[in-house]
C-alpha atoms as a PDB file:
ATOM      1  CA  MET A   1     -83.028 116.722 177.035  1.00  0.00           C
ATOM      2  CA  ALA A   2     -79.612 117.562 175.582  1.00  0.00           C
ATOM      3  CA  LYS A   3     -79.031 116.936 171.888  1.00  0.00           C
ATOM      4  CA  LEU A   4     -76.935 113.800 171.519  1.00  0.00           C
ATOM      5  CA  GLU A   5     -74.657 114.625 168.605  1.00  0.00           C
ATOM      6  CA  PHE A   6     -70.886 114.765 168.193  1.00  0.00           C
ATOM      7  CA  LYS A   7     -68.436 115.621 165.453  1.00  0.00           C
ATOM      8  CA  LYS A   8     -68.024 113.071 162.712  1.00  0.00           C
ATOM      9  CA  ALA A   9     -64.356 114.064 162.574  1.00  0.00           C
ATOM     10  CA  ASP A  10     -63.912 112.786 166.146  1.00  0.00           C
ATOM     11  CA  PHE A  11     -65.392 109.428 165.179  1.00  0.00           C
ATOM     12  CA  GLU A  12     -63.128 109.224 162.115  1.00  0.00           C
ATOM     13  CA  ARG A  13     -60.120 110.030 164.293  1.00  0.00           C
ATOM     14  CA  PHE A  14     -61.231 107.364 166.785  1.00  0.00           C
ATOM     15  CA  VAL A  15     -61.513 104.561 164.216  1.00  0.00           C
ATOM     16  CA  ALA A  16     -58.226 105.645 162.629  1.00  0.00           C
ATOM     17  CA  GLN A  17     -56.445 105.307 165.969  1.00  0.00           C
ATOM     18  CA  PHE A  18     -58.234 102.061 166.892  1.00  0.00           C
ATOM     19  CA  ASP A  19     -58.413 100.482 163.473  1.00  0.00           C
ATOM     20  CA  GLN A  20     -59.408  96.919 162.686  1.00  0.00           C
ATOM     21  CA  LEU A  21     -55.898  95.511 162.874  1.00  0.00           C
ATOM     22  CA  SER A  22     -55.156  97.097 166.244  1.00  0.00           C
ATOM     23  CA  VAL A  23     -58.445  95.881 167.737  1.00  0.00           C
ATOM     24  CA  GLU A  24     -57.807  92.355 166.422  1.00  0.00           C
ATOM     25  CA  ARG A  25     -54.394  92.469 168.082  1.00  0.00           C
ATOM     26  CA  MET A  26     -56.036  93.512 171.339  1.00  0.00           C
ATOM     27  CA  ILE A  27     -58.310  90.465 171.170  1.00  0.00           C
ATOM     28  CA  ASP A  28     -55.337  88.205 170.542  1.00  0.00           C
ATOM     29  CA  ASP A  29     -53.522  89.868 173.434  1.00  0.00           C
ATOM     30  CA  LEU A  30     -56.451  89.268 175.809  1.00  0.00           C
ATOM     31  CA  VAL A  31     -56.747  85.641 174.735  1.00  0.00           C
ATOM     32  CA  SER A  32     -52.994  85.082 175.088  1.00  0.00           C
ATOM     33  CA  ILE A  33     -52.450  86.616 178.513  1.00  0.00           C
ATOM     34  CA  SER A  34     -55.483  84.785 179.906  1.00  0.00           C
ATOM     35  CA  ASP A  35     -54.534  81.472 178.256  1.00  0.00           C
ATOM     36  CA  SER A  36     -58.021  81.252 176.760  1.00  0.00           C
ATOM     37  CA  ARG A  37     -57.334  79.688 173.347  1.00  0.00           C
ATOM     38  CA  ARG A  38     -59.658  76.750 173.928  1.00  0.00           C
ATOM     39  CA  TYR A  39     -62.479  79.137 174.882  1.00  0.00           C
ATOM     40  CA  VAL A  40     -62.437  81.039 171.589  1.00  0.00           C
ATOM     41  CA  THR A  41     -62.041  78.228 169.025  1.00  0.00           C
ATOM     42  CA  ASN A  42     -64.906  76.311 167.400  1.00  0.00           C
ATOM     43  CA  GLY A  43     -66.658  74.124 169.939  1.00  0.00           C
ATOM     44  CA  TYR A  44     -65.514  76.276 172.872  1.00  0.00           C
ATOM     45  CA  GLU A  45     -68.914  75.972 174.521  1.00  0.00           C
ATOM     46  CA  THR A  46     -68.251  72.413 175.683  1.00  0.00           C
ATOM     47  CA  ALA A  47     -65.067  73.553 177.461  1.00  0.00           C
ATOM     48  CA  LEU A  48     -66.981  76.454 179.001  1.00  0.00           C
ATOM     49  CA  VAL A  49     -69.767  74.151 180.192  1.00  0.00           C
ATOM     50  CA  ARG A  50     -67.221  71.828 181.833  1.00  0.00           C
ATOM     51  CA  THR A  51     -65.599  74.781 183.584  1.00  0.00           C
ATOM     52  CA  LEU A  52     -68.943  76.148 184.771  1.00  0.00           C
ATOM     53  CA  CYS A  53     -70.137  72.773 186.018  1.00  0.00           C
ATOM     54  CA  ASP A  54     -66.844  72.253 187.846  1.00  0.00           C
ATOM     55  CA  ARG A  55     -67.183  75.601 189.615  1.00  0.00           C
ATOM     56  CA  ILE A  56     -70.838  74.893 190.397  1.00  0.00           C
ATOM     57  CA  GLY A  57     -69.904  71.513 191.852  1.00  0.00           C
ATOM     58  CA  LYS A  58     -67.315  73.172 194.090  1.00  0.00           C
ATOM     59  CA  ARG A  59     -69.725  76.032 194.975  1.00  0.00           C
ATOM     60  CA  GLN A  60     -66.982  78.381 193.846  1.00  0.00           C
ATOM     61  CA  PRO A  61     -68.082  82.048 193.691  1.00  0.00           C
ATOM     62  CA  THR A  62     -68.178  82.986 190.017  1.00  0.00           C
ATOM     63  CA  SER A  63     -69.171  85.854 187.750  1.00  0.00           C
ATOM     64  CA  CYS A  64     -69.677  85.165 184.024  1.00  0.00           C
ATOM     65  CA  ILE A  65     -70.347  88.363 182.111  1.00  0.00           C
ATOM     66  CA  ARG A  66     -70.601  89.536 178.510  1.00  0.00           C
ATOM     67  CA  LEU A  67     -69.481  92.868 177.092  1.00  0.00           C
ATOM     68  CA  GLY A  68     -71.087  94.381 174.019  1.00  0.00           C
ATOM     69  CA  ASP A  69     -71.540  97.853 172.598  1.00  0.00           C
ATOM     70  CA  GLY A  70     -73.582  99.144 175.557  1.00  0.00           C
ATOM     71  CA  GLU A  71     -70.961  98.105 178.087  1.00  0.00           C
ATOM     72  CA  GLY A  72     -68.237  99.505 175.829  1.00  0.00           C
ATOM     73  CA  ASP A  73     -69.994 102.870 175.717  1.00  0.00           C
ATOM     74  CA  ILE A  74     -70.032 103.033 179.518  1.00  0.00           C
ATOM     75  CA  LEU A  75     -66.442 101.804 179.904  1.00  0.00           C
ATOM     76  CA  GLY A  76     -65.261 104.441 177.431  1.00  0.00           C
ATOM     77  CA  VAL A  77     -66.982 107.456 178.995  1.00  0.00           C
ATOM     78  CA  GLY A  78     -64.631 110.184 180.198  1.00  0.00           C
ATOM     79  CA  ASP A  79     -61.829 109.340 177.755  1.00  0.00           C
ATOM     80  CA  PRO A  80     -59.703 112.527 177.701  1.00  0.00           C
ATOM     81  CA  GLN A  81     -58.990 112.157 173.971  1.00  0.00           C
ATOM     82  CA  TYR A  82     -62.619 111.711 172.936  1.00  0.00           C
ATOM     83  CA  GLY A  83     -64.548 113.264 175.811  1.00  0.00           C
ATOM     84  CA  GLU A  84     -67.583 114.624 173.952  1.00  0.00           C
ATOM     85  CA  MET A  85     -67.902 111.586 171.699  1.00  0.00           C
ATOM     86  CA  THR A  86     -67.720 109.028 174.509  1.00  0.00           C
ATOM     87  CA  MET A  87     -70.140 111.052 176.644  1.00  0.00           C
ATOM     88  CA  VAL A  88     -72.699 111.190 173.826  1.00  0.00           C
ATOM     89  CA  ALA A  89     -72.286 107.464 173.074  1.00  0.00           C
ATOM     90  CA  ALA A  90     -72.816 106.641 176.771  1.00  0.00           C
ATOM     91  CA  GLN A  91     -75.892 108.895 176.947  1.00  0.00           C
ATOM     92  CA  ARG A  92     -77.373 107.178 173.909  1.00  0.00           C
ATOM     93  CA  THR A  93     -76.860 103.818 175.604  1.00  0.00           C
ATOM     94  CA  VAL A  94     -78.486 104.809 178.919  1.00  0.00           C
ATOM     95  CA  LEU A  95     -81.317 106.438 176.973  1.00  0.00           C
ATOM     96  CA  ARG A  96     -81.920 103.144 175.142  1.00  0.00           C
ATOM     97  CA  GLN A  97     -81.867 101.154 178.362  1.00  0.00           C
ATOM     98  CA  PHE A  98     -83.478 103.504 180.901  1.00  0.00           C
ATOM     99  CA  GLY A  99     -85.274 106.145 178.828  1.00  0.00           C
ATOM    100  CA  VAL A 100     -83.424 109.029 180.476  1.00  0.00           C
ATOM    101  CA  GLN A 101     -80.109 110.789 180.223  1.00  0.00           C
ATOM    102  CA  LEU A 102     -77.835 110.807 183.275  1.00  0.00           C
ATOM    103  CA  PRO A 103     -75.586 113.483 184.771  1.00  0.00           C
ATOM    104  CA  MET A 104     -71.919 113.020 183.941  1.00  0.00           C
ATOM    105  CA  SER A 105     -71.242 112.158 187.586  1.00  0.00           C
ATOM    106  CA  GLU A 106     -73.624 109.174 187.314  1.00  0.00           C
ATOM    107  CA  LEU A 107     -72.048 108.036 184.049  1.00  0.00           C
ATOM    108  CA  LEU A 108     -68.665 108.024 185.759  1.00  0.00           C
ATOM    109  CA  THR A 109     -70.132 106.109 188.721  1.00  0.00           C
ATOM    110  CA  LEU A 110     -71.541 103.530 186.307  1.00  0.00           C
ATOM    111  CA  ARG A 111     -68.142 103.275 184.614  1.00  0.00           C
ATOM    112  CA  GLN A 112     -66.469 102.672 187.964  1.00  0.00           C
ATOM    113  CA  LEU A 113     -68.968  99.976 188.995  1.00  0.00           C
ATOM    114  CA  LEU A 114     -68.788  98.282 185.605  1.00  0.00           C
ATOM    115  CA  SER A 115     -64.984  98.407 185.530  1.00  0.00           C
ATOM    116  CA  ALA A 116     -64.807  96.768 188.959  1.00  0.00           C
ATOM    117  CA  SER A 117     -67.229  94.077 187.772  1.00  0.00           C
ATOM    118  CA  VAL A 118     -65.090  93.321 184.704  1.00  0.00           C
ATOM    119  CA  ALA A 119     -61.857  93.236 186.699  1.00  0.00           C
ATOM    120  CA  ALA A 120     -63.331  90.738 189.191  1.00  0.00           C
ATOM    121  CA  ALA A 121     -65.119  88.480 186.685  1.00  0.00           C
ATOM    122  CA  ASP A 122     -64.126  84.862 186.093  1.00  0.00           C
ATOM    123  CA  VAL A 123     -65.489  84.638 182.548  1.00  0.00           C
ATOM    124  CA  VAL A 124     -65.523  87.698 180.286  1.00  0.00           C
ATOM    125  CA  GLY A 125     -67.190  87.487 176.892  1.00  0.00           C
ATOM    126  CA  ILE A 126     -65.962  90.119 174.436  1.00  0.00           C
ATOM    127  CA  PRO A 127     -66.727  90.876 170.774  1.00  0.00           C
ATOM    128  CA  MET A 128     -64.721  88.444 168.695  1.00  0.00           C
ATOM    129  CA  LEU A 129     -63.122  88.800 165.262  1.00  0.00           C
ATOM    130  CA  SER A 130     -66.256  88.256 163.174  1.00  0.00           C
ATOM    131  CA  ARG A 131     -68.119  91.000 165.028  1.00  0.00           C
ATOM    132  CA  ILE A 132     -65.179  93.414 164.877  1.00  0.00           C
ATOM    133  CA  ARG A 133     -64.803  92.821 161.145  1.00  0.00           C
ATOM    134  CA  GLY A 134     -68.517  93.445 160.701  1.00  0.00           C
ATOM    135  CA  VAL A 135     -68.208  96.760 162.525  1.00  0.00           C
ATOM    136  CA  PHE A 136     -65.384  97.936 160.300  1.00  0.00           C
ATOM    137  CA  ARG A 137     -67.239  96.832 157.163  1.00  0.00           C
ATOM    138  CA  ARG A 138     -70.196  99.006 158.157  1.00  0.00           C
ATOM    139  CA  ILE A 139     -68.221 102.043 159.285  1.00  0.00           C
ATOM    140  CA  GLN A 140     -68.152 103.510 155.757  1.00  0.00           C
ATOM    141  CA  GLU A 141     -71.923 103.205 155.321  1.00  0.00           C
ATOM    142  CA  PRO A 142     -73.868 106.497 155.422  1.00  0.00           C
ATOM    143  CA  ASN A 143     -76.221 105.358 158.211  1.00  0.00           C
ATOM    144  CA  VAL A 144     -73.646 103.617 160.366  1.00  0.00           C
ATOM    145  CA  ASP A 145     -74.570 103.241 164.045  1.00  0.00           C
ATOM    146  CA  ILE A 146     -71.764 105.336 165.521  1.00  0.00           C
ATOM    147  CA  ARG A 147     -72.816 104.546 169.094  1.00  0.00           C
ATOM    148  CA  GLY A 148     -72.731 100.806 168.434  1.00  0.00           C
ATOM    149  CA  SER A 149     -69.422 101.002 166.561  1.00  0.00           C
ATOM    150  CA  CYS A 150     -67.700 103.017 169.300  1.00  0.00           C
ATOM    151  CA  GLY A 151     -69.130 100.756 171.973  1.00  0.00           C
ATOM    152  CA  THR A 152     -68.049  97.528 170.299  1.00  0.00           C
ATOM    153  CA  ILE A 153     -64.489  98.796 169.846  1.00  0.00           C
ATOM    154  CA  ASN A 154     -64.402 100.085 173.430  1.00  0.00           C
ATOM    155  CA  ALA A 155     -65.695  96.764 174.751  1.00  0.00           C
ATOM    156  CA  VAL A 156     -62.354  95.348 173.625  1.00  0.00           C
ATOM    157  CA  ARG A 157     -59.901  98.197 174.141  1.00  0.00           C
ATOM    158  CA  CYS A 158     -61.197  99.203 177.589  1.00  0.00           C
ATOM    159  CA  THR A 159     -61.098  95.592 178.767  1.00  0.00           C
ATOM    160  CA  VAL A 160     -57.378  95.221 178.071  1.00  0.00           C
ATOM    161  CA  PRO A 161     -56.093  97.340 181.005  1.00  0.00           C
ATOM    162  CA  LEU A 162     -58.774  95.961 183.345  1.00  0.00           C
ATOM    163  CA  ILE A 163     -57.685  92.378 182.632  1.00  0.00           C
ATOM    164  CA  ARG A 164     -53.970  93.168 182.694  1.00  0.00           C
ATOM    165  CA  ASN A 165     -54.331  94.691 186.155  1.00  0.00           C
ATOM    166  CA  SER A 166     -56.566  91.918 187.478  1.00  0.00           C
ATOM    167  CA  PRO A 167     -54.949  89.755 190.198  1.00  0.00           C
ATOM    168  CA  LYS A 168     -56.411  86.611 188.627  1.00  0.00           C
ATOM    169  CA  MET A 169     -56.751  86.078 184.889  1.00  0.00           C
ATOM    170  CA  PRO A 170     -60.345  85.390 183.797  1.00  0.00           C
ATOM    171  CA  ILE A 171     -61.410  83.189 180.930  1.00  0.00           C
ATOM    172  CA  ILE A 172     -61.817  85.289 177.787  1.00  0.00           C
ATOM    173  CA  THR A 173     -64.487  84.019 175.415  1.00  0.00           C
ATOM    174  CA  ASP A 174     -67.125  85.140 172.911  1.00  0.00           C
ATOM    175  CA  CYS A 175     -69.696  87.666 174.141  1.00  0.00           C
ATOM    176  CA  PHE A 176     -72.331  85.483 172.464  1.00  0.00           C
ATOM    177  CA  PHE A 177     -71.656  82.591 174.842  1.00  0.00           C
ATOM    178  CA  HIS A 178     -75.184  82.942 176.245  1.00  0.00           C
ATOM    179  CA  ARG A 179     -76.548  81.957 172.828  1.00  0.00           C
ATOM    180  CA  PHE A 180     -74.193  79.023 172.346  1.00  0.00           C
ATOM    181  CA  LEU A 181     -74.929  77.670 175.826  1.00  0.00           C
ATOM    182  CA  LEU A 182     -78.619  77.198 174.998  1.00  0.00           C
ATOM    183  CA  PRO A 183     -78.333  73.415 174.432  1.00  0.00           C
ATOM    184  CA  TYR A 184     -76.479  73.037 177.738  1.00  0.00           C
ATOM    185  CA  PHE A 185     -78.602  74.963 180.243  1.00  0.00           C
ATOM    186  CA  ALA A 186     -80.381  71.786 181.352  1.00  0.00           C
ATOM    187  CA  GLU A 187     -76.988  70.411 182.371  1.00  0.00           C
ATOM    188  CA  ILE A 188     -75.940  73.660 184.040  1.00  0.00           C
ATOM    189  CA  ILE A 189     -79.070  74.565 185.999  1.00  0.00           C
ATOM    190  CA  GLY A 190     -81.384  71.559 185.758  1.00  0.00           C
ATOM    191  CA  SER A 191     -82.994  70.053 188.887  1.00  0.00           C
ATOM    192  CA  ARG A 192     -81.622  72.698 191.237  1.00  0.00           C
ATOM    193  CA  GLU A 193     -83.203  73.181 194.630  1.00  0.00           C
ATOM    194  CA  CYS A 194     -83.221  76.931 194.142  1.00  0.00           C
ATOM    195  CA  LEU A 195     -82.215  79.288 191.365  1.00  0.00           C
ATOM    196  CA  GLY A 196     -81.832  83.063 191.429  1.00  0.00           C
ATOM    197  CA  LEU A 197     -83.118  85.215 188.570  1.00  0.00           C
ATOM    198  CA  VAL A 198     -82.796  88.907 187.705  1.00  0.00           C
ATOM    199  CA  SER A 199     -85.003  89.751 184.726  1.00  0.00           C
ATOM    200  CA  CYS A 200     -87.866  91.924 183.528  1.00  0.00           C
ATOM    201  CA  HIS A 201     -90.009  88.937 182.524  1.00  0.00           C
ATOM    202  CA  ALA A 202     -92.549  88.104 185.245  1.00  0.00           C
ATOM    203  CA  GLU A 203     -93.514  84.829 183.530  1.00  0.00           C
ATOM    204  CA  LEU A 204     -89.955  83.501 183.259  1.00  0.00           C
ATOM    205  CA  PRO A 205     -89.661  81.990 186.790  1.00  0.00           C
ATOM    206  CA  GLU A 206     -92.581  79.621 186.191  1.00  0.00           C
ATOM    207  CA  LYS A 207     -91.175  78.591 182.799  1.00  0.00           C
ATOM    208  CA  LEU A 208     -87.772  77.839 184.339  1.00  0.00           C
ATOM    209  CA  VAL A 209     -89.371  75.799 187.127  1.00  0.00           C
ATOM    210  CA  HIS A 210     -91.267  73.599 184.679  1.00  0.00           C
ATOM    211  CA  HIS A 211     -88.714  73.319 181.893  1.00  0.00           C
ATOM    212  CA  PHE A 212     -85.586  72.751 183.990  1.00  0.00           C
ATOM    213  CA  SER A 213     -87.220  71.051 186.999  1.00  0.00           C
ATOM    214  CA  VAL A 214     -86.063  73.756 189.394  1.00  0.00           C
ATOM    215  CA  ALA A 215     -87.785  73.598 192.784  1.00  0.00           C
ATOM    216  CA  LYS A 216     -87.845  77.335 193.523  1.00  0.00           C
ATOM    217  CA  ILE A 217     -86.872  80.653 191.923  1.00  0.00           C
ATOM    218  CA  ASP A 218     -85.726  83.694 193.882  1.00  0.00           C
ATOM    219  CA  PHE A 219     -86.911  86.371 191.455  1.00  0.00           C
ATOM    220  CA  TYR A 220     -85.710  89.975 191.374  1.00  0.00           C
ATOM    221  CA  GLN A 221     -87.814  91.762 188.796  1.00  0.00           C
ATOM    222  CA  ILE A 222     -86.475  94.843 187.026  1.00  0.00           C
ATOM    223  CA  PRO A 223     -88.031  97.193 184.445  1.00  0.00           C
ATOM    224  CA  ASP A 224     -87.792  96.261 180.778  1.00  0.00           C
ATOM    225  CA  GLU A 225     -85.391  98.212 178.576  1.00  0.00           C
ATOM    226  CA  PHE A 226     -86.856 101.465 177.311  1.00  0.00           C
ATOM    227  CA  MET A 227     -85.985 100.673 173.683  1.00  0.00           C
ATOM    228  CA  ASN A 228     -88.330  97.661 173.725  1.00  0.00           C
ATOM    229  CA  HIS A 229     -91.527  99.515 174.672  1.00  0.00           C
ATOM    230  CA  HIS A 230     -90.595 103.227 174.879  1.00  0.00           C
ATOM    231  CA  GLN A 231     -92.159 103.517 178.310  1.00  0.00           C
ATOM    232  CA  ILE A 232     -90.406 104.948 181.351  1.00  0.00           C
ATOM    233  CA  PRO A 233     -91.431 102.974 184.468  1.00  0.00           C
ATOM    234  CA  GLU A 234     -92.668 104.673 187.612  1.00  0.00           C
ATOM    235  CA  LYS A 235     -89.654 103.231 189.408  1.00  0.00           C
ATOM    236  CA  PRO A 236     -86.645 103.727 187.095  1.00  0.00           C
ATOM    237  CA  HIS A 237     -84.184 100.874 186.821  1.00  0.00           C
ATOM    238  CA  TYR A 238     -81.270 103.210 187.423  1.00  0.00           C
ATOM    239  CA  ARG A 239     -80.877 104.244 190.097  1.00  0.00           C
ATOM    240  CA  GLN A 240     -83.935 103.398 192.137  1.00  0.00           C
ATOM    241  CA  ARG A 241     -84.599  99.734 191.322  1.00  0.00           C
ATOM    242  CA  PHE A 242     -80.869  99.072 190.905  1.00  0.00           C
ATOM    243  CA  ASP A 243     -80.123 100.249 194.452  1.00  0.00           C
ATOM    244  CA  GLU A 244     -82.985  98.118 195.795  1.00  0.00           C
ATOM    245  CA  VAL A 245     -81.759  94.961 194.080  1.00  0.00           C
ATOM    246  CA  ILE A 246     -78.162  95.497 195.186  1.00  0.00           C
ATOM    247  CA  SER A 247     -79.221  96.043 198.801  1.00  0.00           C
ATOM    248  CA  THR A 248     -81.787  93.214 199.020  1.00  0.00           C
ATOM    249  CA  LEU A 249     -80.130  90.486 196.944  1.00  0.00           C
ATOM    250  CA  ARG A 250     -79.525  87.425 199.129  1.00  0.00           C
ATOM    251  CA  LEU A 251     -78.342  83.833 198.695  1.00  0.00           C
ATOM    252  CA  ARG A 252     -80.102  80.860 200.229  1.00  0.00           C
ATOM    253  CA  GLU A 253     -76.826  78.961 200.300  1.00  0.00           C
ATOM    254  CA  PRO A 254     -73.229  79.336 199.098  1.00  0.00           C
ATOM    255  CA  GLY A 255     -72.885  78.572 195.408  1.00  0.00           C
ATOM    256  CA  GLN A 256     -76.500  79.390 194.505  1.00  0.00           C
ATOM    257  CA  ILE A 257     -76.773  79.947 190.754  1.00  0.00           C
ATOM    258  CA  PHE A 258     -78.213  83.234 189.490  1.00  0.00           C
ATOM    259  CA  LEU A 259     -79.274  83.900 185.911  1.00  0.00           C
ATOM    260  CA  VAL A 260     -79.003  87.605 185.134  1.00  0.00           C
ATOM    261  CA  ALA A 261     -80.634  89.442 182.230  1.00  0.00           C
ATOM    262  CA  ALA A 262     -80.294  93.152 182.932  1.00  0.00           C
ATOM    263  CA  GLY A 263     -78.266  94.929 180.250  1.00  0.00           C
ATOM    264  CA  VAL A 264     -75.312  97.006 181.418  1.00  0.00           C
ATOM    265  CA  LEU A 265     -76.418  96.769 185.047  1.00  0.00           C
ATOM    266  CA  GLY A 266     -76.511  92.983 184.782  1.00  0.00           C
ATOM    267  CA  LYS A 267     -72.720  92.851 184.934  1.00  0.00           C
ATOM    268  CA  ILE A 268     -72.796  94.707 188.245  1.00  0.00           C
ATOM    269  CA  TYR A 269     -75.482  92.351 189.560  1.00  0.00           C
ATOM    270  CA  CYS A 270     -73.283  89.408 188.561  1.00  0.00           C
ATOM    271  CA  HIS A 271     -70.410  90.901 190.547  1.00  0.00           C
ATOM    272  CA  ARG A 272     -72.697  91.351 193.566  1.00  0.00           C
ATOM    273  CA  VAL A 273     -73.773  87.691 193.376  1.00  0.00           C
ATOM    274  CA  LYS A 274     -70.133  86.601 193.332  1.00  0.00           C
ATOM    275  CA  VAL A 275     -69.263  88.827 196.306  1.00  0.00           C
ATOM    276  CA  LEU A 276     -72.095  87.166 198.246  1.00  0.00           C
ATOM    277  CA  GLY A 277     -70.705  83.728 197.388  1.00  0.00           C
ATOM    278  CA  GLY A 278     -72.934  82.794 194.448  1.00  0.00           C
ATOM    279  CA  ILE A 279     -72.475  81.859 190.806  1.00  0.00           C
ATOM    280  CA  ALA A 280     -73.836  84.361 188.290  1.00  0.00           C
ATOM    281  CA  ILE A 281     -74.327  83.776 184.569  1.00  0.00           C
ATOM    282  CA  ASP A 282     -75.158  86.700 182.315  1.00  0.00           C
ATOM    283  CA  ILE A 283     -77.884  85.329 180.006  1.00  0.00           C
ATOM    284  CA  GLY A 284     -78.860  88.679 178.476  1.00  0.00           C
ATOM    285  CA  SER A 285     -81.394  88.419 175.657  1.00  0.00           C
ATOM    286  CA  MET A 286     -81.825  84.663 176.148  1.00  0.00           C
ATOM    287  CA  ALA A 287     -84.462  85.658 178.696  1.00  0.00           C
ATOM    288  CA  ASP A 288     -86.424  87.250 175.834  1.00  0.00           C
ATOM    289  CA  VAL A 289     -86.006  84.125 173.710  1.00  0.00           C
ATOM    290  CA  TRP A 290     -87.089  81.800 176.534  1.00  0.00           C
ATOM    291  CA  THR A 291     -90.285  83.805 177.001  1.00  0.00           C
ATOM    292  CA  GLY A 292     -90.946  83.886 173.256  1.00  0.00           C
ATOM    293  CA  LYS A 293     -90.663  87.684 173.124  1.00  0.00           C
ATOM    294  CA  PRO A 294     -87.905  88.546 170.635  1.00  0.00           C
ATOM    295  CA  THR A 295     -86.238  91.943 170.796  1.00  0.00           C
ATOM    296  CA  LEU A 296     -84.352  93.937 168.179  1.00  0.00           C
ATOM    297  CA  ARG A 297     -81.461  91.537 167.695  1.00  0.00           C
ATOM    298  CA  PRO A 298     -80.688  90.159 164.236  1.00  0.00           C
ATOM    299  CA  TYR A 299     -80.227  86.544 165.315  1.00  0.00           C
ATOM    300  CA  GLN A 300     -83.673  86.401 166.961  1.00  0.00           C
ATOM    301  CA  THR A 301     -85.475  85.121 163.908  1.00  0.00           C
ATOM    302  CA  ASP A 302     -88.906  83.532 164.176  1.00  0.00           C
ATOM    303  CA  GLU A 303     -87.291  80.131 163.661  1.00  0.00           C
ATOM    304  CA  PHE A 304     -84.681  80.717 166.392  1.00  0.00           C
ATOM    305  CA  VAL A 305     -87.254  81.913 168.947  1.00  0.00           C
ATOM    306  CA  GLU A 306     -89.653  79.101 168.107  1.00  0.00           C
ATOM    307  CA  ARG A 307     -86.879  76.564 168.614  1.00  0.00           C
ATOM    308  CA  TRP A 308     -85.717  77.805 172.019  1.00  0.00           C
ATOM    309  CA  LYS A 309     -88.717  79.364 173.752  1.00  0.00           C
ATOM    310  CA  LEU A 310     -89.815  77.592 176.924  1.00  0.00           C
ATOM    311  CA  LEU A 311     -93.370  76.257 176.776  1.00  0.00           C
END
């Protein structure tokens, strides 16, 4: 396994070029060109719920995705100015998620698939000002997470050209929308005839059936992230299980809702659901919360998990 290190000077040059002010301007630019002001202000979740429910009512194919540091690391790979640094950051991300490093050709394939998924999405959650300011506060600390910092910045800067070149402007909102939608999921998915689910949690379908009165769940199980258990599955998520899910994923009817919790690959699954005529919502780590199995995320306190886990 190759040593995943890069020059600190490259990172310093990176954050000097894409400093806090320039990244904040990029966020404002994305919000402005997509006319998304009401989706980034306090209380935005009610506007987002109305939009989602409207699209669900019309059975309008939809992809709602969230971009964080992992997605930013993949979107940034191959940058000619910071080639070694972005490659190492991307390798650290795939190692965390899959437990293996990937050839550069596969990293570039992932970037292409993820870029296409972002460009075609209808709702794109990105790191907002509070998260960006937190990143730049921590950058001077001796043990700063360089991978996470690069990825968070890239989740914004790499999204700008993808959105600008998109034929239809998406809604830009907070990448934490999955957390803020928790009180509204009964309204969004409750009492459905059939729901789709992509997740690693085998017990989650039954919990969704009982809690939200869903009649049936079409479940596509994937391996858990490596960083949660440090075990590499017999059938790796990428590429083996990923290819299987992409090729076998089906809708029972147009407009079927899919909940997707699958890390970086989840955004590509969401795009696939939309292409097939469905409505995909990237719920990310809410699947862990619903099952009462918190992962290494600061907001997943005992109190938070206890409040929202599905019994």
